[in-house]
């Protein structure tokens, strides 16, 4: 019998496995795919968010800021690419400057360091020459950055494995039941027994939670389409450029990548299909249209590929982390959508 079984080898599961590997714990990660980082963790914006966007007092806010502070040293320790390039939130008209100020104040309350609102257009243009001419102001967050999500996920898992955590791939959990002293996990590769379960199953985390708990949760897969541009376009911006966020998230961004490309996206389309990660022409057209609002002359002729990913949006608009009240020994890391990548080391 294992002490702990983690369901899911995405960035939250791998980070949890690495943390557990610090202790004398017999732990195992069960992953239905053939490798780590095959779900949400592989298809996202790769942003290390500063932490001004999440609601004050939320788990998202606290763990975002903690994860942001951990990331630079973690990158050195595990040798994955990290670039503290900073981010801009662009306000395109004078009337919306109070919304930018509200975002600044939220960030300060969340503990984000060195935030600054810049309204000097000459300074803005000097920092980002290709920002839209209409920009009335920006929220500058120098603590934001970018990573390679694959390398981060792989590095966490590799370190956990080196420290003794087992990884079982092509192993899909189909049922969970209570047994004396813990839990039995039915899989397509047989039954695994464990004292504790960590549920880090991404868009499927609600399914496993609801198998064992009467306090139901519901996760909606929220699809985001992206365009990736050639390295010739990589210097078009030097910071991650956001637009003022709306109810479906942070809007369409334009960002450099740690590999020297340029990334634009994502959309935010709620689906029922938890495997529905196909791109559509309409959504990619939306990415092109909206990203051109905050950044001018984006060279979309240099798009080399497009992709989409699913975010695990829980109805409560926050991470669900901790032991289920009515299922002792079952721990959730559920609803881990943006800023989940940033938050993973703190999760």
Protein backbone atom coordinates (compact mmCIF):
# COMPACT_ATOMS: atom_id res chain seq x y z
CA UNK A 1 0.00 0.00 0.00
CA UNK A 2 1.31 3.44 -0.95
CA UNK A 3 1.26 6.32 1.53
CA UNK A 4 0.10 8.73 -1.18
CA UNK A 5 -1.13 8.32 -4.75
CA UNK A 6 -1.36 11.43 -6.91
CA UNK A 7 -3.80 11.34 -9.81
CA UNK A 8 -2.35 13.35 -12.69
CA UNK A 9 1.19 14.18 -13.85
CA UNK A 10 0.54 17.74 -14.91
CA UNK A 11 2.34 20.62 -13.25
CA UNK A 12 0.25 20.50 -10.04
CA UNK A 13 0.66 16.73 -9.68
CA UNK A 14 4.37 16.87 -10.43
CA UNK A 15 4.93 19.76 -8.02
CA UNK A 16 3.02 17.87 -5.32
CA UNK A 17 5.09 14.75 -6.00
CA UNK A 18 8.32 16.71 -5.72
CA UNK A 19 7.26 18.27 -2.42
CA UNK A 20 6.29 14.88 -1.00
CA UNK A 21 9.63 13.45 -2.11
CA UNK A 22 11.33 15.62 0.52
CA UNK A 23 9.94 13.24 3.15
CA UNK A 24 10.05 9.52 3.92
CA UNK A 25 6.85 8.87 1.99
CA UNK A 26 6.05 5.98 -0.34
CA UNK A 27 4.37 7.92 -3.15
CA UNK A 28 3.16 7.21 -6.66
CA UNK A 29 1.78 9.28 -9.55
CA UNK A 30 -0.85 7.70 -11.82
CA UNK A 31 -1.15 9.28 -15.27
CA UNK A 32 -3.51 8.10 -18.01
CA UNK A 33 -1.33 9.52 -20.79
CA UNK A 34 2.05 8.23 -21.94
CA UNK A 35 4.10 10.99 -20.29
CA UNK A 36 3.96 13.97 -17.97
CA UNK A 37 2.54 17.31 -19.18
CA UNK A 38 -0.01 15.93 -21.64
CA UNK A 39 -3.06 17.98 -20.57
CA UNK A 40 -3.66 21.57 -19.48
CA UNK A 41 -0.01 21.97 -18.47
CA UNK A 42 1.28 21.61 -22.02
CA UNK A 43 -1.02 24.14 -23.71
CA UNK A 44 -1.17 27.48 -21.94
CA UNK A 45 0.30 30.97 -21.99
CA UNK A 46 3.50 29.96 -20.12
CA UNK A 47 3.18 33.11 -18.01
CA UNK A 48 4.48 33.55 -14.48
CA UNK A 49 1.77 35.96 -13.38
CA UNK A 50 2.60 38.74 -10.92
CA UNK A 51 -0.61 38.24 -8.92
CA UNK A 52 -2.70 41.39 -9.33
CA UNK A 53 -5.60 39.75 -11.14
CA UNK A 54 -7.01 37.22 -8.65
CA UNK A 55 -9.59 38.37 -6.12
CA UNK A 56 -8.19 39.60 -2.82
CA UNK A 57 -8.29 36.89 -0.16
CA UNK A 58 -8.65 34.03 -2.64
CA UNK A 59 -6.39 30.98 -2.80
CA UNK A 60 -5.56 32.03 -6.34
CA UNK A 61 -4.25 35.37 -5.12
CA UNK A 62 -2.16 33.99 -2.26
CA UNK A 63 -0.67 31.05 -4.13
CA UNK A 64 -0.04 33.12 -7.28
CA UNK A 65 2.13 35.57 -5.36
CA UNK A 66 3.89 32.77 -3.43
CA UNK A 67 4.52 30.79 -6.62
CA UNK A 68 5.82 33.90 -8.38
CA UNK A 69 8.31 34.49 -5.57
CA UNK A 70 9.49 30.85 -5.62
CA UNK A 71 9.90 30.58 -9.40
CA UNK A 72 13.28 32.34 -9.97
CA UNK A 73 15.14 30.19 -7.45
CA UNK A 74 13.27 27.05 -8.56
CA UNK A 75 14.38 27.69 -12.14
CA UNK A 76 18.01 27.83 -11.01
CA UNK A 77 17.64 24.74 -8.86
CA UNK A 78 15.93 22.59 -11.52
CA UNK A 79 17.51 24.22 -14.59
CA UNK A 80 14.47 25.16 -16.65
CA UNK A 81 14.14 28.37 -18.73
CA UNK A 82 12.69 31.37 -16.89
CA UNK A 83 12.72 34.98 -18.08
CA UNK A 84 11.58 37.71 -15.64
CA UNK A 85 10.50 39.94 -18.52
CA UNK A 86 7.71 41.75 -16.67
CA UNK A 87 4.20 42.46 -17.92
CA UNK A 88 2.01 45.34 -19.06
CA UNK A 89 -1.74 45.64 -18.73
CA UNK A 90 -2.78 48.09 -21.41
CA UNK A 91 -5.53 50.65 -20.91
CA UNK A 92 -6.64 52.05 -24.26
CA UNK A 93 -8.72 55.04 -23.15
CA UNK A 94 -8.76 57.61 -20.39
CA UNK A 95 -12.21 56.49 -19.19
CA UNK A 96 -10.86 53.06 -18.22
CA UNK A 97 -7.93 54.33 -16.16
CA UNK A 98 -9.93 53.85 -12.91
CA UNK A 99 -10.18 50.15 -13.79
CA UNK A 100 -6.40 50.06 -14.19
CA UNK A 101 -6.07 51.79 -10.82
CA UNK A 102 -8.39 49.18 -9.26
CA UNK A 103 -6.18 46.41 -10.66
CA UNK A 104 -3.12 48.14 -9.18
CA UNK A 105 -4.79 48.43 -5.77
CA UNK A 106 -5.83 44.79 -5.84
CA UNK A 107 -2.27 43.80 -6.66
CA UNK A 108 -0.92 45.83 -3.75
CA UNK A 109 -3.41 44.16 -1.39
CA UNK A 110 -2.38 40.75 -2.77
CA UNK A 111 1.25 41.49 -1.94
CA UNK A 112 2.60 42.06 -5.45
CA UNK A 113 5.83 44.03 -5.28
CA UNK A 114 6.95 47.01 -7.38
CA UNK A 115 3.69 47.54 -9.29
CA UNK A 116 3.49 50.82 -11.16
CA UNK A 117 0.95 52.66 -13.28
CA UNK A 118 2.64 54.47 -16.16
CA UNK A 119 0.77 57.19 -18.06
CA UNK A 120 3.79 58.92 -19.57
CA UNK A 121 3.33 58.01 -23.24
CA UNK A 122 6.95 58.70 -24.11
CA UNK A 123 8.12 56.26 -21.44
CA UNK A 124 5.57 53.66 -22.53
CA UNK A 125 6.73 53.98 -26.13
CA UNK A 126 10.35 53.69 -25.07
CA UNK A 127 9.64 50.49 -23.14
CA UNK A 128 7.35 48.97 -25.78
CA UNK A 129 7.59 50.67 -29.21
CA UNK A 130 4.90 48.45 -30.76
CA UNK A 131 2.24 49.12 -28.15
CA UNK A 132 -0.95 50.60 -29.54
CA UNK A 133 -0.68 54.36 -30.03
CA UNK A 134 -4.01 54.79 -28.21
CA UNK A 135 -2.60 53.44 -24.93
CA UNK A 136 -3.58 55.87 -22.19
CA UNK A 137 -1.68 54.02 -19.51
CA UNK A 138 -0.26 50.66 -18.47
CA UNK A 139 0.02 48.69 -15.27
CA UNK A 140 3.65 47.58 -15.16
CA UNK A 141 4.45 44.45 -13.13
CA UNK A 142 8.22 43.81 -13.17
CA UNK A 143 7.85 40.58 -11.14
CA UNK A 144 5.96 38.82 -13.96
CA UNK A 145 7.82 36.48 -16.26
CA UNK A 146 7.67 33.59 -18.71
CA UNK A 147 8.75 29.94 -18.52
CA UNK A 148 8.69 26.85 -20.67
CA UNK A 149 5.75 24.88 -19.26
CA UNK A 150 7.09 21.57 -20.58
CA UNK A 151 10.51 22.01 -19.00
CA UNK A 152 8.97 23.14 -15.70
CA UNK A 153 6.64 20.14 -15.56
CA UNK A 154 9.35 17.68 -16.63
CA UNK A 155 11.88 19.11 -14.17
CA UNK A 156 9.47 18.79 -11.24
CA UNK A 157 8.58 15.21 -12.18
CA UNK A 158 12.20 14.23 -12.87
CA UNK A 159 13.28 15.53 -9.47
CA UNK A 160 10.41 13.70 -7.75
CA UNK A 161 11.34 10.47 -9.55
CA UNK A 162 15.01 10.84 -8.65
CA UNK A 163 13.92 11.23 -5.03
CA UNK A 164 11.97 7.96 -5.11
CA UNK A 165 8.43 8.74 -6.31
CA UNK A 166 6.96 6.08 -8.65
CA UNK A 167 5.32 7.15 -11.92
CA UNK A 168 2.83 4.86 -13.69
CA UNK A 169 1.92 5.99 -17.22
CA UNK A 170 -0.90 4.79 -19.49
CA UNK A 171 -2.72 4.16 -16.21
CA UNK A 172 -6.23 5.60 -16.10
CA UNK A 173 -8.14 5.72 -12.83
CA UNK A 174 -11.70 4.47 -13.38
CA UNK A 175 -13.05 4.24 -9.83
CA UNK A 176 -12.13 5.08 -6.23
CA UNK A 177 -13.52 3.27 -3.20
CA UNK A 178 -12.91 3.38 0.52
CA UNK A 179 -11.03 0.44 2.07
CA UNK A 180 -9.76 -0.15 5.58
CA UNK A 181 -6.88 2.22 6.17
CA UNK A 182 -7.28 4.19 2.96
CA UNK A 183 -8.42 3.99 -0.65
CA UNK A 184 -8.44 1.54 -3.54
CA UNK A 185 -8.01 3.05 -7.00
CA UNK A 186 -9.34 0.93 -9.85
CA UNK A 187 -7.36 1.48 -13.06
CA UNK A 188 -6.99 -0.07 -16.49
CA UNK A 189 -3.74 -1.54 -15.15
CA UNK A 190 -5.16 -3.08 -11.97
CA UNK A 191 -5.90 -1.90 -8.45
CA UNK A 192 -3.64 0.44 -6.47
CA UNK A 193 -4.09 0.88 -2.72
CA UNK A 194 -3.05 3.96 -0.79
CA UNK A 195 -3.50 5.68 2.56
CA UNK A 196 -4.08 9.07 0.90
CA UNK A 197 -5.07 10.41 -2.52
CA UNK A 198 -4.08 13.73 -4.09
CA UNK A 199 -6.54 14.63 -6.84
CA UNK A 200 -4.59 16.67 -9.42
CA UNK A 201 -6.56 15.49 -12.45
CA UNK A 202 -7.12 18.82 -14.21
CA UNK A 203 -10.43 19.06 -16.04
CA UNK A 204 -11.35 15.61 -14.67
CA UNK A 205 -10.74 16.47 -11.01
CA UNK A 206 -14.45 16.97 -10.33
CA UNK A 207 -15.18 13.41 -11.44
CA UNK A 208 -12.82 11.94 -8.85
CA UNK A 209 -13.86 14.34 -6.09
CA UNK A 210 -17.52 13.53 -6.67
CA UNK A 211 -16.82 9.77 -6.44
CA UNK A 212 -15.89 10.13 -2.78
CA UNK A 213 -17.56 13.30 -1.49
CA UNK A 214 -21.16 14.40 -1.06
CA UNK A 215 -20.05 18.03 -1.41
CA UNK A 216 -20.05 18.11 -5.19
CA UNK A 217 -17.90 20.34 -7.36
CA UNK A 218 -18.24 21.09 -11.08
CA UNK A 219 -15.45 21.87 -13.52
CA UNK A 220 -16.07 23.39 -16.93
CA UNK A 221 -13.38 22.92 -19.56
CA UNK A 222 -12.62 26.41 -20.86
CA UNK A 223 -10.83 26.23 -24.20
CA UNK A 224 -8.20 28.71 -25.29
CA UNK A 225 -6.79 28.95 -28.82
CA UNK A 226 -3.30 30.34 -29.48
CA UNK A 227 -1.13 31.38 -32.41
CA UNK A 228 2.63 30.82 -32.22
CA UNK A 229 4.80 33.00 -34.43
CA UNK A 230 8.28 32.43 -35.82
CA UNK A 231 11.40 33.55 -33.97
CA UNK A 232 11.76 36.40 -36.46
CA UNK A 233 8.73 37.90 -34.70
CA UNK A 234 10.01 37.16 -31.19
CA UNK A 235 11.28 40.68 -30.54
CA UNK A 236 8.02 42.42 -31.45
CA UNK A 237 7.37 42.94 -27.73
CA UNK A 238 9.74 42.47 -24.81
CA UNK A 239 7.12 42.24 -22.04
CA UNK A 240 3.98 40.14 -21.77
CA UNK A 241 1.20 42.44 -22.97
CA UNK A 242 -2.28 41.98 -21.48
CA UNK A 243 -5.45 43.93 -22.07
CA UNK A 244 -7.64 44.99 -19.16
CA UNK A 245 -9.30 41.74 -18.00
CA UNK A 246 -12.97 40.91 -18.52
CA UNK A 247 -15.33 38.39 -16.95
CA UNK A 248 -13.85 35.46 -18.91
CA UNK A 249 -10.28 36.15 -17.95
CA UNK A 250 -7.30 38.28 -18.81
CA UNK A 251 -8.12 38.76 -22.47
CA UNK A 252 -5.88 38.09 -25.42
CA UNK A 253 -2.18 38.55 -24.71
CA UNK A 254 0.90 39.07 -26.84
CA UNK A 255 4.08 37.71 -25.30
CA UNK A 256 7.60 36.65 -26.08
CA UNK A 257 8.47 33.05 -25.24
CA UNK A 258 11.58 31.73 -23.54
CA UNK A 259 12.52 30.10 -26.86
CA UNK A 260 12.45 33.40 -28.76
CA UNK A 261 9.05 33.10 -30.48
CA UNK A 262 5.99 35.32 -30.15
CA UNK A 263 2.75 33.95 -28.65
CA UNK A 264 -0.76 35.38 -28.96
CA UNK A 265 -3.97 34.16 -27.32
CA UNK A 266 -6.00 32.71 -25.72
CA UNK A 267 -9.70 32.68 -26.43
CA UNK A 268 -12.10 31.62 -23.64
CA UNK A 269 -14.81 29.23 -24.82
CA UNK A 270 -16.68 27.07 -22.32
CA UNK A 271 -17.25 23.51 -23.50
CA UNK A 272 -18.95 20.34 -22.31
CA UNK A 273 -16.41 18.04 -23.98
CA UNK A 274 -13.40 17.58 -21.67
CA UNK A 275 -11.34 16.34 -24.61
CA UNK A 276 -12.40 19.13 -26.99
CA UNK A 277 -9.10 20.82 -27.74
CA UNK A 278 -9.38 21.33 -31.50
CA UNK A 279 -8.68 24.81 -32.82
CA UNK A 280 -11.24 26.57 -35.02
CA UNK A 281 -10.80 29.16 -37.74
CA UNK A 282 -13.25 31.49 -35.99
CA UNK A 283 -11.40 31.42 -32.69
CA UNK A 284 -8.00 31.92 -34.30
CA UNK A 285 -9.43 34.88 -36.22
CA UNK A 286 -10.61 36.24 -32.86
CA UNK A 287 -7.07 35.90 -31.46
CA UNK A 288 -5.66 37.81 -34.43
CA UNK A 289 -8.29 40.54 -34.18
CA UNK A 290 -8.10 41.08 -30.42
CA UNK A 291 -4.33 40.86 -30.05
CA UNK A 292 -3.97 43.64 -32.61
CA UNK A 293 -5.93 46.00 -30.35
CA UNK A 294 -3.21 46.33 -27.73
CA UNK A 295 -0.18 45.73 -29.95
CA UNK A 296 0.16 47.15 -33.45
CA UNK A 297 1.61 45.49 -36.53
CA UNK A 298 1.76 41.97 -35.10
CA UNK A 299 3.33 40.02 -38.03
CA UNK A 300 0.71 37.29 -38.33
CA UNK A 301 2.15 36.20 -41.67
CA UNK A 302 4.81 34.56 -39.52
CA UNK A 303 2.44 32.24 -37.65
CA UNK A 304 4.07 28.79 -37.67
CA UNK A 305 1.45 26.84 -35.74
CA UNK A 306 -1.71 27.11 -33.69
CA UNK A 307 -2.90 25.07 -30.73
CA UNK A 308 -5.48 25.07 -27.98
CA UNK A 309 -5.64 24.01 -24.36
CA UNK A 310 -8.33 23.47 -21.75
CA UNK A 311 -8.44 25.31 -18.42
CA UNK A 312 -10.16 23.62 -15.48
CA UNK A 313 -12.67 26.30 -14.45
CA UNK A 314 -14.51 25.45 -11.24
CA UNK A 315 -17.87 27.11 -10.60
CA UNK A 316 -16.56 28.79 -7.42
CA UNK A 317 -13.92 30.77 -9.37
CA UNK A 318 -11.09 29.66 -7.09
CA UNK A 319 -8.68 26.80 -6.53
CA UNK A 320 -9.97 23.94 -4.39
CA UNK A 321 -7.06 22.69 -2.33
CA UNK A 322 -7.21 20.54 0.78
CA UNK A 323 -8.77 17.49 2.37
CA UNK A 324 -12.41 16.81 1.51
CA UNK A 325 -14.47 17.30 4.68
CA UNK A 326 -16.40 14.05 4.31
CA UNK A 327 -13.59 11.97 2.77
CA UNK A 328 -10.59 11.82 5.14
CA UNK A 329 -7.37 11.09 3.29
CA UNK A 330 -8.65 12.49 -0.03
CA UNK A 331 -6.97 15.78 -0.93
CA UNK A 332 -8.01 18.00 -3.83
CA UNK A 333 -5.83 20.13 -6.04
CA UNK A 334 -8.82 20.97 -8.23
CA UNK A 335 -9.96 23.90 -10.34
CA UNK A 336 -6.34 24.75 -11.11
CA UNK A 337 -6.79 27.18 -13.97
CA UNK A 338 -4.79 30.35 -14.58
CA UNK A 339 -2.69 31.29 -12.61
CA UNK A 340 -2.17 27.58 -11.93
CA UNK A 341 1.20 27.32 -13.67
CA UNK A 342 2.58 30.16 -11.57
CA UNK A 343 0.98 28.79 -8.42
CA UNK A 344 2.18 25.18 -8.82
CA UNK A 345 5.29 25.48 -6.60
CA UNK A 346 3.13 26.98 -3.84
CA UNK A 347 0.31 24.46 -4.35
